[in-house]
Amino acid sequence: MKNTLLLLPLSLLLFSCGNKPKPETIDNTAIIPVKIMPLEKQGAALSIAASGQFTTDDEVYLSFKTNGIINNILVKEGDPVRKGQLLATLNLTEIDAQVQQAQLGFEKAQRDYQRTQNLHNDSVATLEQLQNSKTSLDLAKQQLGTAQFNRSYSAIHATQDGFVLHKLASTGQYVTSGTAVLQTNGARNAHWLLRIGVSDREWAQVKTGDKATIETPSIPGSTLSGTVTRKSEGIDAQSGTFIIDIQLTGAMPAAIAAGMFGRCHITASGNNSSTAWSIPYAALLDGNGSSGFVFITNDHKTAQRIPVTIAGMEKDHVLISEGMEQAKALIISGSAYLKDQSPIRIIQ
């Protein structure tokens, strides 16, 4: 009787343990619940994100033609200027003296030539002497023209309507010929550009005429439109990138100035645009530059870890150009718990 009473609780315990649900396993390996996204062999248009600074296509560094001491700079940084406006002058004492010397030399050459011509007419001077005198007169005339030309470029005038971007020298400073004194642009003509730097892969995907959208902190909540107008044919030594110019189109807002920061998204029309897949950020693992990994499944039972090539970034997606050609479904949730060949269970 006692043995019967002892066996009864034991049998109840075994019965309750037998009814407890067991975790899903295959050969002691946990089955990971995941969410998937079907993949089709249709590419998404590549969108290349890059940042740069606003500038214009007609920035120019202005300098004096001759050496000298700066007498006066008549503008400040940020000042608007008109085409032909006087911006800076040199001390003309030395330059005026050079012009006067050339003028005196020309007048003497004129007198010498006239005298030689009279002597030649009287058969006193030879034809050779007359020709040499004419050559000296021509040389003196050219020297006078050169001196007058240099004097005219001993002052700096605005080459176009625009603004003064930078003042690179000061009054009283000695400058040599060609030394930049002022930098101006033609912003009044609204030739605004966003100049960006991109990698060699991105450079190859972008073509002249591709469209872009541009954002800048100076105009929060708004976007500007642009078109790729120039691609550099060589790498920029300072930044180590390839330079691309995006011309702003449409009405130009007043809240843009040279040097302001801007960010753009270019819709690339390169050859790779037909083989790009747009996937969520969460599906990409171990992203490093242009490479990364994703988990896919072709049988809905096993996860496969495959390498992929990153073609670009969008606001909430990553663009993949290579590596997913044979994939049927992308795992977009649960990837953190997966390994290559992990068993999976699809959940909604």
C-alpha atoms as a PDB file:
ATOM      1  CA  MET A   1       0.000   0.000   0.000  1.00  0.00           C
ATOM      2  CA  LYS A   2       2.858   2.364   0.917  1.00  0.00           C
ATOM      3  CA  ASN A   3       4.661   1.519  -2.307  1.00  0.00           C
ATOM      4  CA  THR A   4       1.541   2.383  -4.274  1.00  0.00           C
ATOM      5  CA  LEU A   5       1.256   5.789  -2.588  1.00  0.00           C
ATOM      6  CA  LEU A   6       4.907   6.578  -3.316  1.00  0.00           C
ATOM      7  CA  LEU A   7       4.587   5.716  -7.007  1.00  0.00           C
ATOM      8  CA  LEU A   8       1.559   7.946  -7.499  1.00  0.00           C
ATOM      9  CA  PRO A   9       3.316  11.354  -7.067  1.00  0.00           C
ATOM     10  CA  LEU A  10       6.244  10.113  -9.133  1.00  0.00           C
ATOM     11  CA  SER A  11       3.960   9.158 -12.007  1.00  0.00           C
ATOM     12  CA  LEU A  12       2.245  12.573 -11.839  1.00  0.00           C
ATOM     13  CA  LEU A  13       5.635  14.303 -11.984  1.00  0.00           C
ATOM     14  CA  LEU A  14       6.690  12.315 -15.030  1.00  0.00           C
ATOM     15  CA  PHE A  15       3.372  13.049 -16.731  1.00  0.00           C
ATOM     16  CA  SER A  16       3.717  16.797 -16.178  1.00  0.00           C
ATOM     17  CA  CYS A  17       7.305  16.814 -17.522  1.00  0.00           C
ATOM     18  CA  GLY A  18       6.226  14.915 -20.603  1.00  0.00           C
ATOM     19  CA  ASN A  19       3.620  17.562 -21.508  1.00  0.00           C
ATOM     20  CA  LYS A  20       6.077  20.566 -21.289  1.00  0.00           C
ATOM     21  CA  PRO A  21       6.829  21.953 -24.877  1.00  0.00           C
ATOM     22  CA  LYS A  22      10.370  21.375 -26.121  1.00  0.00           C
ATOM     23  CA  PRO A  23      12.374  24.057 -27.998  1.00  0.00           C
ATOM     24  CA  GLU A  24      12.669  23.627 -31.787  1.00  0.00           C
ATOM     25  CA  THR A  25      15.972  21.986 -32.585  1.00  0.00           C
ATOM     26  CA  ILE A  26      17.587  20.009 -35.345  1.00  0.00           C
ATOM     27  CA  ASP A  27      20.440  17.833 -34.103  1.00  0.00           C
ATOM     28  CA  ASN A  28      20.685  20.046 -31.013  1.00  0.00           C
ATOM     29  CA  THR A  29      20.891  23.202 -33.204  1.00  0.00           C
ATOM     30  CA  ALA A  30      18.336  25.941 -32.500  1.00  0.00           C
ATOM     31  CA  ILE A  31      16.066  26.995 -35.369  1.00  0.00           C
ATOM     32  CA  ILE A  32      16.208  30.803 -35.661  1.00  0.00           C
ATOM     33  CA  PRO A  33      12.962  32.624 -36.504  1.00  0.00           C
ATOM     34  CA  VAL A  34      13.604  35.194 -39.232  1.00  0.00           C
ATOM     35  CA  LYS A  35      11.786  37.551 -41.544  1.00  0.00           C
ATOM     36  CA  ILE A  36      12.582  37.622 -45.226  1.00  0.00           C
ATOM     37  CA  MET A  37      12.151  39.898 -48.222  1.00  0.00           C
ATOM     38  CA  PRO A  38      11.788  38.425 -51.721  1.00  0.00           C
ATOM     39  CA  LEU A  39      14.395  39.470 -54.284  1.00  0.00           C
ATOM     40  CA  GLU A  40      13.801  39.961 -57.962  1.00  0.00           C
ATOM     41  CA  LYS A  41      16.306  40.302 -60.762  1.00  0.00           C
ATOM     42  CA  GLN A  42      15.337  43.920 -61.287  1.00  0.00           C
ATOM     43  CA  GLY A  43      17.851  46.513 -60.257  1.00  0.00           C
ATOM     44  CA  ALA A  44      17.183  49.762 -58.496  1.00  0.00           C
ATOM     45  CA  ALA A  45      18.627  53.003 -59.861  1.00  0.00           C
ATOM     46  CA  LEU A  46      21.863  53.834 -58.075  1.00  0.00           C
ATOM     47  CA  SER A  47      21.774  56.862 -55.806  1.00  0.00           C
ATOM     48  CA  ILE A  48      25.185  58.209 -54.847  1.00  0.00           C
ATOM     49  CA  ALA A  49      25.375  60.351 -51.715  1.00  0.00           C
ATOM     50  CA  ALA A  50      28.179  62.888 -51.383  1.00  0.00           C
ATOM     51  CA  SER A  51      28.905  66.216 -49.752  1.00  0.00           C
ATOM     52  CA  GLY A  52      30.824  69.308 -50.771  1.00  0.00           C
ATOM     53  CA  GLN A  53      30.852  73.085 -50.861  1.00  0.00           C
ATOM     54  CA  PHE A  54      28.941  75.637 -52.885  1.00  0.00           C
ATOM     55  CA  THR A  55      30.916  77.688 -55.363  1.00  0.00           C
ATOM     56  CA  THR A  56      30.471  79.291 -58.779  1.00  0.00           C
ATOM     57  CA  ASP A  57      31.841  78.411 -62.189  1.00  0.00           C
ATOM     58  CA  ASP A  58      33.530  81.778 -62.622  1.00  0.00           C
ATOM     59  CA  GLU A  59      35.631  82.356 -59.510  1.00  0.00           C
ATOM     60  CA  VAL A  60      38.763  84.309 -60.395  1.00  0.00           C
ATOM     61  CA  TYR A  61      41.946  85.409 -58.615  1.00  0.00           C
ATOM     62  CA  LEU A  62      42.827  89.005 -59.511  1.00  0.00           C
ATOM     63  CA  SER A  63      46.412  90.280 -59.499  1.00  0.00           C
ATOM     64  CA  PHE A  64      48.604  93.143 -60.735  1.00  0.00           C
ATOM     65  CA  LYS A  65      50.581  92.874 -63.969  1.00  0.00           C
ATOM     66  CA  THR A  66      53.679  94.502 -62.435  1.00  0.00           C
ATOM     67  CA  ASN A  67      55.644  94.377 -59.205  1.00  0.00           C
ATOM     68  CA  GLY A  68      55.023  97.105 -56.669  1.00  0.00           C
ATOM     69  CA  ILE A  69      53.679  98.299 -53.350  1.00  0.00           C
ATOM     70  CA  ILE A  70      49.915  98.210 -52.907  1.00  0.00           C
ATOM     71  CA  ASN A  71      48.653 101.786 -52.591  1.00  0.00           C
ATOM     72  CA  ASN A  72      45.015 101.050 -51.790  1.00  0.00           C
ATOM     73  CA  ILE A  73      42.449  98.229 -51.708  1.00  0.00           C
ATOM     74  CA  LEU A  74      39.022  99.750 -52.161  1.00  0.00           C
ATOM     75  CA  VAL A  75      36.789  96.763 -51.247  1.00  0.00           C
ATOM     76  CA  LYS A  76      36.286  94.367 -48.361  1.00  0.00           C
ATOM     77  CA  GLU A  77      35.369  90.694 -48.275  1.00  0.00           C
ATOM     78  CA  GLY A  78      31.688  90.227 -49.056  1.00  0.00           C
ATOM     79  CA  ASP A  79      31.303  93.503 -50.949  1.00  0.00           C
ATOM     80  CA  PRO A  80      29.270  93.410 -54.170  1.00  0.00           C
ATOM     81  CA  VAL A  81      31.152  94.635 -57.253  1.00  0.00           C
ATOM     82  CA  ARG A  82      30.250  95.697 -60.779  1.00  0.00           C
ATOM     83  CA  LYS A  83      32.123  94.843 -63.954  1.00  0.00           C
ATOM     84  CA  GLY A  84      34.890  97.401 -64.538  1.00  0.00           C
ATOM     85  CA  GLN A  85      34.828  98.737 -60.957  1.00  0.00           C
ATOM     86  CA  LEU A  86      38.255  99.797 -59.589  1.00  0.00           C
ATOM     87  CA  LEU A  87      39.214  97.440 -56.765  1.00  0.00           C
ATOM     88  CA  ALA A  88      42.899  98.042 -55.955  1.00  0.00           C
ATOM     89  CA  THR A  89      45.854 100.196 -57.051  1.00  0.00           C
ATOM     90  CA  LEU A  90      49.654 100.147 -56.827  1.00  0.00           C
ATOM     91  CA  ASN A  91      51.981 102.981 -55.919  1.00  0.00           C
ATOM     92  CA  LEU A  92      52.699 104.346 -59.416  1.00  0.00           C
ATOM     93  CA  THR A  93      55.908 106.306 -58.736  1.00  0.00           C
ATOM     94  CA  GLU A  94      58.248 103.723 -60.235  1.00  0.00           C
ATOM     95  CA  ILE A  95      55.826 102.644 -62.946  1.00  0.00           C
ATOM     96  CA  ASP A  96      55.200 106.240 -64.101  1.00  0.00           C
ATOM     97  CA  ALA A  97      58.958 106.764 -64.293  1.00  0.00           C
ATOM     98  CA  GLN A  98      59.282 103.731 -66.562  1.00  0.00           C
ATOM     99  CA  VAL A  99      56.538 105.075 -68.820  1.00  0.00           C
ATOM    100  CA  GLN A 100      58.257 108.476 -68.957  1.00  0.00           C
ATOM    101  CA  GLN A 101      61.595 106.872 -69.848  1.00  0.00           C
ATOM    102  CA  ALA A 102      59.947 104.946 -72.672  1.00  0.00           C
ATOM    103  CA  GLN A 103      58.246 108.123 -73.878  1.00  0.00           C
ATOM    104  CA  LEU A 104      61.536 110.031 -73.959  1.00  0.00           C
ATOM    105  CA  GLY A 105      63.238 107.182 -75.782  1.00  0.00           C
ATOM    106  CA  PHE A 106      60.494 107.141 -78.390  1.00  0.00           C
ATOM    107  CA  GLU A 107      60.720 110.903 -78.942  1.00  0.00           C
ATOM    108  CA  LYS A 108      64.517 110.695 -79.388  1.00  0.00           C
ATOM    109  CA  ALA A 109      64.108 107.809 -81.851  1.00  0.00           C
ATOM    110  CA  GLN A 110      61.638 109.928 -83.828  1.00  0.00           C
ATOM    111  CA  ARG A 111      64.137 112.847 -84.044  1.00  0.00           C
ATOM    112  CA  ASP A 112      66.986 110.535 -85.035  1.00  0.00           C
ATOM    113  CA  TYR A 113      64.929 108.958 -87.771  1.00  0.00           C
ATOM    114  CA  GLN A 114      63.806 112.309 -89.156  1.00  0.00           C
ATOM    115  CA  ARG A 115      67.401 113.588 -89.201  1.00  0.00           C
ATOM    116  CA  THR A 116      68.690 110.417 -90.911  1.00  0.00           C
ATOM    117  CA  GLN A 117      65.913 110.597 -93.471  1.00  0.00           C
ATOM    118  CA  ASN A 118      66.860 114.207 -94.333  1.00  0.00           C
ATOM    119  CA  LEU A 119      70.515 113.234 -94.667  1.00  0.00           C
ATOM    120  CA  HIS A 120      69.584 110.292 -96.860  1.00  0.00           C
ATOM    121  CA  ASN A 121      67.554 112.595 -99.086  1.00  0.00           C
ATOM    122  CA  ASP A 122      70.668 114.774 -99.442  1.00  0.00           C
ATOM    123  CA  SER A 123      72.732 111.648-100.232  1.00  0.00           C
ATOM    124  CA  VAL A 124      74.761 112.108 -97.044  1.00  0.00           C
ATOM    125  CA  ALA A 125      73.391 109.110 -95.070  1.00  0.00           C
ATOM    126  CA  THR A 126      73.352 105.643 -96.540  1.00  0.00           C
ATOM    127  CA  LEU A 127      70.285 103.460 -96.992  1.00  0.00           C
ATOM    128  CA  GLU A 128      71.575 101.151 -94.250  1.00  0.00           C
ATOM    129  CA  GLN A 129      71.761 104.044 -91.775  1.00  0.00           C
ATOM    130  CA  LEU A 130      68.208 105.049 -92.655  1.00  0.00           C
ATOM    131  CA  GLN A 131      66.938 101.471 -92.155  1.00  0.00           C
ATOM    132  CA  ASN A 132      68.757 101.159 -88.803  1.00  0.00           C
ATOM    133  CA  SER A 133      67.229 104.437 -87.660  1.00  0.00           C
ATOM    134  CA  LYS A 134      63.753 103.196 -88.634  1.00  0.00           C
ATOM    135  CA  THR A 135      64.310  99.966 -86.693  1.00  0.00           C
ATOM    136  CA  SER A 136      65.346 101.955 -83.596  1.00  0.00           C
ATOM    137  CA  LEU A 137      62.169 104.027 -83.896  1.00  0.00           C
ATOM    138  CA  ASP A 138      60.011 100.897 -84.116  1.00  0.00           C
ATOM    139  CA  LEU A 139      61.730  99.380 -81.063  1.00  0.00           C
ATOM    140  CA  ALA A 140      61.207 102.561 -79.059  1.00  0.00           C
ATOM    141  CA  LYS A 141      57.537 102.603 -80.040  1.00  0.00           C
ATOM    142  CA  GLN A 142      57.068  98.987 -78.871  1.00  0.00           C
ATOM    143  CA  GLN A 143      58.829  99.717 -75.577  1.00  0.00           C
ATOM    144  CA  LEU A 144      56.529 102.675 -74.966  1.00  0.00           C
ATOM    145  CA  GLY A 145      53.481 100.529 -75.690  1.00  0.00           C
ATOM    146  CA  THR A 146      54.695  97.861 -73.249  1.00  0.00           C
ATOM    147  CA  ALA A 147      55.268 100.415 -70.484  1.00  0.00           C
ATOM    148  CA  GLN A 148      51.830 101.948 -71.023  1.00  0.00           C
ATOM    149  CA  PHE A 149      50.207  98.495 -71.009  1.00  0.00           C
ATOM    150  CA  ASN A 150      51.919  97.570 -67.722  1.00  0.00           C
ATOM    151  CA  ARG A 151      50.770 100.832 -66.189  1.00  0.00           C
ATOM    152  CA  SER A 152      47.167 100.154 -67.189  1.00  0.00           C
ATOM    153  CA  TYR A 153      47.349  96.809 -65.354  1.00  0.00           C
ATOM    154  CA  SER A 154      48.893  98.333 -62.236  1.00  0.00           C
ATOM    155  CA  ALA A 155      45.296  98.663 -61.079  1.00  0.00           C
ATOM    156  CA  ILE A 156      42.773  95.864 -60.547  1.00  0.00           C
ATOM    157  CA  HIS A 157      39.263  96.139 -61.992  1.00  0.00           C
ATOM    158  CA  ALA A 158      36.336  93.750 -61.534  1.00  0.00           C
ATOM    159  CA  THR A 159      35.994  91.386 -64.481  1.00  0.00           C
ATOM    160  CA  GLN A 160      32.265  90.782 -63.895  1.00  0.00           C
ATOM    161  CA  ASP A 161      29.358  91.521 -61.583  1.00  0.00           C
ATOM    162  CA  GLY A 162      29.693  89.511 -58.401  1.00  0.00           C
ATOM    163  CA  PHE A 163      31.108  89.534 -54.884  1.00  0.00           C
ATOM    164  CA  VAL A 164      34.522  89.731 -53.240  1.00  0.00           C
ATOM    165  CA  LEU A 165      35.196  86.344 -51.676  1.00  0.00           C
ATOM    166  CA  HIS A 166      38.656  86.851 -50.187  1.00  0.00           C
ATOM    167  CA  LYS A 167      41.162  89.671 -49.715  1.00  0.00           C
ATOM    168  CA  LEU A 168      44.574  88.052 -49.975  1.00  0.00           C
ATOM    169  CA  ALA A 169      46.859  91.074 -49.502  1.00  0.00           C
ATOM    170  CA  SER A 170      46.876  94.372 -47.627  1.00  0.00           C
ATOM    171  CA  THR A 171      47.656  98.021 -48.273  1.00  0.00           C
ATOM    172  CA  GLY A 172      51.394  98.753 -48.096  1.00  0.00           C
ATOM    173  CA  GLN A 173      52.377  95.176 -48.957  1.00  0.00           C
ATOM    174  CA  TYR A 174      54.919  94.573 -51.718  1.00  0.00           C
ATOM    175  CA  VAL A 175      53.620  92.089 -54.280  1.00  0.00           C
ATOM    176  CA  THR A 176      55.192  90.583 -57.355  1.00  0.00           C
ATOM    177  CA  SER A 177      53.602  90.220 -60.756  1.00  0.00           C
ATOM    178  CA  GLY A 178      50.803  87.634 -60.712  1.00  0.00           C
ATOM    179  CA  THR A 179      50.427  87.454 -56.911  1.00  0.00           C
ATOM    180  CA  ALA A 180      46.729  87.033 -56.084  1.00  0.00           C
ATOM    181  CA  VAL A 181      45.329  90.062 -54.270  1.00  0.00           C
ATOM    182  CA  LEU A 182      41.551  89.494 -54.450  1.00  0.00           C
ATOM    183  CA  GLN A 183      39.269  86.572 -55.212  1.00  0.00           C
ATOM    184  CA  THR A 184      35.871  87.337 -56.743  1.00  0.00           C
ATOM    185  CA  ASN A 185      33.024  85.392 -58.308  1.00  0.00           C
ATOM    186  CA  GLY A 186      30.040  85.998 -60.546  1.00  0.00           C
ATOM    187  CA  ALA A 187      27.380  85.037 -58.018  1.00  0.00           C
ATOM    188  CA  ARG A 188      25.111  87.801 -59.262  1.00  0.00           C
ATOM    189  CA  ASN A 189      24.723  85.751 -62.423  1.00  0.00           C
ATOM    190  CA  ALA A 190      23.551  82.766 -60.301  1.00  0.00           C
ATOM    191  CA  HIS A 191      26.053  80.271 -61.726  1.00  0.00           C
ATOM    192  CA  TRP A 192      26.055  78.237 -58.514  1.00  0.00           C
ATOM    193  CA  LEU A 193      27.684  74.817 -58.240  1.00  0.00           C
ATOM    194  CA  LEU A 194      28.006  72.174 -55.560  1.00  0.00           C
ATOM    195  CA  ARG A 195      31.543  70.783 -55.888  1.00  0.00           C
ATOM    196  CA  ILE A 196      31.846  67.287 -54.389  1.00  0.00           C
ATOM    197  CA  GLY A 197      34.491  64.581 -54.095  1.00  0.00           C
ATOM    198  CA  VAL A 198      33.683  60.942 -54.889  1.00  0.00           C
ATOM    199  CA  SER A 199      35.501  57.607 -55.049  1.00  0.00           C
ATOM    200  CA  ASP A 200      36.723  56.047 -58.286  1.00  0.00           C
ATOM    201  CA  ARG A 201      33.798  53.582 -58.262  1.00  0.00           C
ATOM    202  CA  GLU A 202      31.253  56.363 -57.830  1.00  0.00           C
ATOM    203  CA  TRP A 203      33.003  58.498 -60.463  1.00  0.00           C
ATOM    204  CA  ALA A 204      32.617  55.670 -62.997  1.00  0.00           C
ATOM    205  CA  GLN A 205      28.885  55.379 -62.273  1.00  0.00           C
ATOM    206  CA  VAL A 206      28.089  59.088 -62.691  1.00  0.00           C
ATOM    207  CA  LYS A 207      27.629  60.625 -66.126  1.00  0.00           C
ATOM    208  CA  THR A 208      27.327  64.226 -67.266  1.00  0.00           C
ATOM    209  CA  GLY A 209      23.642  65.149 -67.270  1.00  0.00           C
ATOM    210  CA  ASP A 210      22.664  62.952 -64.299  1.00  0.00           C
ATOM    211  CA  LYS A 211      20.126  64.595 -61.993  1.00  0.00           C
ATOM    212  CA  ALA A 212      20.698  65.339 -58.328  1.00  0.00           C
ATOM    213  CA  THR A 213      18.850  66.648 -55.282  1.00  0.00           C
ATOM    214  CA  ILE A 214      20.718  68.916 -52.885  1.00  0.00           C
ATOM    215  CA  GLU A 215      20.195  69.784 -49.231  1.00  0.00           C
ATOM    216  CA  THR A 216      21.934  72.479 -47.194  1.00  0.00           C
ATOM    217  CA  PRO A 217      21.623  73.496 -43.510  1.00  0.00           C
ATOM    218  CA  SER A 218      21.001  77.101 -44.578  1.00  0.00           C
ATOM    219  CA  ILE A 219      17.651  76.061 -46.093  1.00  0.00           C
ATOM    220  CA  PRO A 220      16.267  73.471 -43.642  1.00  0.00           C
ATOM    221  CA  GLY A 221      13.439  71.288 -44.910  1.00  0.00           C
ATOM    222  CA  SER A 222      13.962  72.228 -48.557  1.00  0.00           C
ATOM    223  CA  THR A 223      15.792  70.603 -51.442  1.00  0.00           C
ATOM    224  CA  LEU A 224      17.392  72.085 -54.537  1.00  0.00           C
ATOM    225  CA  SER A 225      17.668  70.528 -57.972  1.00  0.00           C
ATOM    226  CA  GLY A 226      20.882  70.132 -59.906  1.00  0.00           C
ATOM    227  CA  THR A 227      22.568  68.493 -62.882  1.00  0.00           C
ATOM    228  CA  VAL A 228      26.057  67.016 -63.177  1.00  0.00           C
ATOM    229  CA  THR A 229      27.950  69.332 -65.541  1.00  0.00           C
ATOM    230  CA  ARG A 230      31.598  68.322 -65.085  1.00  0.00           C
ATOM    231  CA  LYS A 231      33.653  65.297 -64.078  1.00  0.00           C
ATOM    232  CA  SER A 232      37.367  65.677 -63.406  1.00  0.00           C
ATOM    233  CA  GLU A 233      39.605  63.496 -65.551  1.00  0.00           C
ATOM    234  CA  GLY A 234      42.180  63.088 -62.787  1.00  0.00           C
ATOM    235  CA  ILE A 235      42.291  62.680 -59.031  1.00  0.00           C
ATOM    236  CA  ASP A 236      42.529  65.752 -56.805  1.00  0.00           C
ATOM    237  CA  ALA A 237      45.900  65.639 -55.047  1.00  0.00           C
ATOM    238  CA  GLN A 238      44.677  67.434 -51.905  1.00  0.00           C
ATOM    239  CA  SER A 239      41.537  65.410 -51.157  1.00  0.00           C
ATOM    240  CA  GLY A 240      42.432  62.107 -52.869  1.00  0.00           C
ATOM    241  CA  THR A 241      39.015  62.053 -54.572  1.00  0.00           C
ATOM    242  CA  PHE A 242      37.582  62.723 -58.018  1.00  0.00           C
ATOM    243  CA  ILE A 243      35.835  66.095 -58.327  1.00  0.00           C
ATOM    244  CA  ILE A 244      32.312  66.410 -59.733  1.00  0.00           C
ATOM    245  CA  ASP A 245      30.472  69.717 -60.296  1.00  0.00           C
ATOM    246  CA  ILE A 246      26.692  69.841 -59.909  1.00  0.00           C
ATOM    247  CA  GLN A 247      25.062  72.903 -61.492  1.00  0.00           C
ATOM    248  CA  LEU A 248      22.054  74.190 -59.556  1.00  0.00           C
ATOM    249  CA  THR A 249      18.937  74.624 -61.677  1.00  0.00           C
ATOM    250  CA  GLY A 250      15.769  76.624 -61.171  1.00  0.00           C
ATOM    251  CA  ALA A 251      15.367  79.735 -59.038  1.00  0.00           C
ATOM    252  CA  MET A 252      18.409  80.402 -56.868  1.00  0.00           C
ATOM    253  CA  PRO A 253      17.683  81.079 -53.175  1.00  0.00           C
ATOM    254  CA  ALA A 254      19.378  84.011 -51.480  1.00  0.00           C
ATOM    255  CA  ALA A 255      20.512  81.829 -48.557  1.00  0.00           C
ATOM    256  CA  ILE A 256      23.535  80.389 -50.411  1.00  0.00           C
ATOM    257  CA  ALA A 257      27.071  81.723 -50.187  1.00  0.00           C
ATOM    258  CA  ALA A 258      30.404  80.485 -51.468  1.00  0.00           C
ATOM    259  CA  GLY A 259      31.928  77.892 -49.143  1.00  0.00           C
ATOM    260  CA  MET A 260      28.642  76.739 -47.604  1.00  0.00           C
ATOM    261  CA  PHE A 261      28.231  73.017 -46.983  1.00  0.00           C
ATOM    262  CA  GLY A 262      25.784  70.959 -49.038  1.00  0.00           C
ATOM    263  CA  ARG A 263      24.849  67.301 -49.384  1.00  0.00           C
ATOM    264  CA  CYS A 264      23.488  65.717 -52.542  1.00  0.00           C
ATOM    265  CA  HIS A 265      22.027  62.476 -53.882  1.00  0.00           C
ATOM    266  CA  ILE A 266      22.887  61.788 -57.523  1.00  0.00           C
ATOM    267  CA  THR A 267      20.692  59.414 -59.525  1.00  0.00           C
ATOM    268  CA  ALA A 268      23.468  57.683 -61.443  1.00  0.00           C
ATOM    269  CA  SER A 269      22.890  56.410 -64.960  1.00  0.00           C
ATOM    270  CA  GLY A 270      26.074  54.323 -65.166  1.00  0.00           C
ATOM    271  CA  ASN A 271      26.197  50.752 -66.464  1.00  0.00           C
ATOM    272  CA  ASN A 272      25.873  49.326 -62.958  1.00  0.00           C
ATOM    273  CA  SER A 273      22.426  50.794 -62.377  1.00  0.00           C
ATOM    274  CA  SER A 274      20.673  47.744 -63.891  1.00  0.00           C
ATOM    275  CA  THR A 275      22.203  45.313 -61.393  1.00  0.00           C
ATOM    276  CA  ALA A 276      21.559  47.077 -58.110  1.00  0.00           C
ATOM    277  CA  TRP A 277      19.315  45.896 -55.296  1.00  0.00           C
ATOM    278  CA  SER A 278      17.890  48.202 -52.651  1.00  0.00           C
ATOM    279  CA  ILE A 279      17.928  46.542 -49.208  1.00  0.00           C
ATOM    280  CA  PRO A 280      17.259  47.803 -45.651  1.00  0.00           C
ATOM    281  CA  TYR A 281      20.222  48.954 -43.572  1.00  0.00           C
ATOM    282  CA  ALA A 282      19.441  46.288 -40.955  1.00  0.00           C
ATOM    283  CA  ALA A 283      20.086  43.489 -43.459  1.00  0.00           C
ATOM    284  CA  LEU A 284      23.714  44.534 -44.082  1.00  0.00           C
ATOM    285  CA  LEU A 285      26.387  43.095 -41.786  1.00  0.00           C
ATOM    286  CA  ASP A 286      30.055  44.035 -41.311  1.00  0.00           C
ATOM    287  CA  GLY A 287      29.886  46.888 -43.821  1.00  0.00           C
ATOM    288  CA  ASN A 288      33.353  48.226 -44.626  1.00  0.00           C
ATOM    289  CA  GLY A 289      33.693  50.751 -47.432  1.00  0.00           C
ATOM    290  CA  SER A 290      32.283  49.119 -50.535  1.00  0.00           C
ATOM    291  CA  SER A 291      31.981  45.579 -49.104  1.00  0.00           C
ATOM    292  CA  GLY A 292      29.772  43.775 -46.599  1.00  0.00           C
ATOM    293  CA  PHE A 293      27.766  40.600 -45.944  1.00  0.00           C
ATOM    294  CA  VAL A 294      24.097  39.623 -45.971  1.00  0.00           C
ATOM    295  CA  PHE A 295      22.128  36.473 -45.128  1.00  0.00           C
ATOM    296  CA  ILE A 296      19.907  34.994 -47.829  1.00  0.00           C
ATOM    297  CA  THR A 297      17.847  31.850 -48.199  1.00  0.00           C
ATOM    298  CA  ASN A 298      16.877  29.949 -51.314  1.00  0.00           C
ATOM    299  CA  ASP A 299      15.052  27.029 -49.660  1.00  0.00           C
ATOM    300  CA  HIS A 300      13.390  28.894 -46.755  1.00  0.00           C
ATOM    301  CA  LYS A 301      15.071  26.412 -44.397  1.00  0.00           C
ATOM    302  CA  THR A 302      18.736  27.391 -44.296  1.00  0.00           C
ATOM    303  CA  ALA A 303      20.518  30.738 -44.076  1.00  0.00           C
ATOM    304  CA  GLN A 304      23.514  31.485 -46.264  1.00  0.00           C
ATOM    305  CA  ARG A 305      26.053  34.213 -45.512  1.00  0.00           C
ATOM    306  CA  ILE A 306      27.299  35.803 -48.738  1.00  0.00           C
ATOM    307  CA  PRO A 307      29.618  38.740 -49.534  1.00  0.00           C
ATOM    308  CA  VAL A 308      28.160  41.710 -51.434  1.00  0.00           C
ATOM    309  CA  THR A 309      29.426  44.917 -53.028  1.00  0.00           C
ATOM    310  CA  ILE A 310      27.936  48.195 -51.814  1.00  0.00           C
ATOM    311  CA  ALA A 311      27.184  50.607 -54.657  1.00  0.00           C
ATOM    312  CA  GLY A 312      25.740  53.503 -52.690  1.00  0.00           C
ATOM    313  CA  MET A 313      23.548  54.734 -49.861  1.00  0.00           C
ATOM    314  CA  GLU A 314      20.046  56.154 -49.762  1.00  0.00           C
ATOM    315  CA  LYS A 315      18.207  57.719 -46.859  1.00  0.00           C
ATOM    316  CA  ASP A 316      16.950  54.404 -45.460  1.00  0.00           C
ATOM    317  CA  HIS A 317      18.376  51.772 -47.823  1.00  0.00           C
ATOM    318  CA  VAL A 318      21.683  50.388 -49.042  1.00  0.00           C
ATOM    319  CA  LEU A 319      22.277  49.764 -52.744  1.00  0.00           C
ATOM    320  CA  ILE A 320      23.996  46.462 -53.610  1.00  0.00           C
ATOM    321  CA  SER A 321      25.572  46.091 -57.060  1.00  0.00           C
ATOM    322  CA  GLU A 322      27.080  42.569 -56.879  1.00  0.00           C
ATOM    323  CA  GLY A 323      26.740  39.317 -54.966  1.00  0.00           C
ATOM    324  CA  MET A 324      22.968  38.720 -54.930  1.00  0.00           C
ATOM    325  CA  GLU A 325      22.453  37.466 -58.472  1.00  0.00           C
ATOM    326  CA  GLN A 326      21.474  33.930 -57.364  1.00  0.00           C
ATOM    327  CA  ALA A 327      19.570  34.919 -54.215  1.00  0.00           C
ATOM    328  CA  LYS A 328      15.802  34.413 -53.995  1.00  0.00           C
ATOM    329  CA  ALA A 329      15.061  35.931 -50.574  1.00  0.00           C
ATOM    330  CA  LEU A 330      16.928  38.266 -48.245  1.00  0.00           C
ATOM    331  CA  ILE A 331      16.813  37.796 -44.471  1.00  0.00           C
ATOM    332  CA  ILE A 332      15.941  41.189 -42.965  1.00  0.00           C
ATOM    333  CA  SER A 333      15.295  40.262 -39.326  1.00  0.00           C
ATOM    334  CA  GLY A 334      17.116  37.894 -36.992  1.00  0.00           C
ATOM    335  CA  SER A 335      20.477  38.125 -38.768  1.00  0.00           C
ATOM    336  CA  ALA A 336      22.328  38.871 -35.531  1.00  0.00           C
ATOM    337  CA  TYR A 337      21.693  35.317 -34.308  1.00  0.00           C
ATOM    338  CA  LEU A 338      22.593  33.529 -37.531  1.00  0.00           C
ATOM    339  CA  LYS A 339      25.651  31.745 -38.791  1.00  0.00           C
ATOM    340  CA  ASP A 340      26.302  30.350 -42.220  1.00  0.00           C
ATOM    341  CA  GLN A 341      24.037  27.308 -42.822  1.00  0.00           C
ATOM    342  CA  SER A 342      21.947  28.006 -39.696  1.00  0.00           C
ATOM    343  CA  PRO A 343      18.474  26.416 -39.817  1.00  0.00           C
ATOM    344  CA  ILE A 344      15.702  29.019 -39.940  1.00  0.00           C
ATOM    345  CA  ARG A 345      11.954  29.334 -39.611  1.00  0.00           C
ATOM    346  CA  ILE A 346      10.099  31.999 -41.580  1.00  0.00           C
ATOM    347  CA  ILE A 347       7.795  34.220 -39.564  1.00  0.00           C
ATOM    348  CA  GLN A 348       5.428  36.929 -40.722  1.00  0.00           C
END
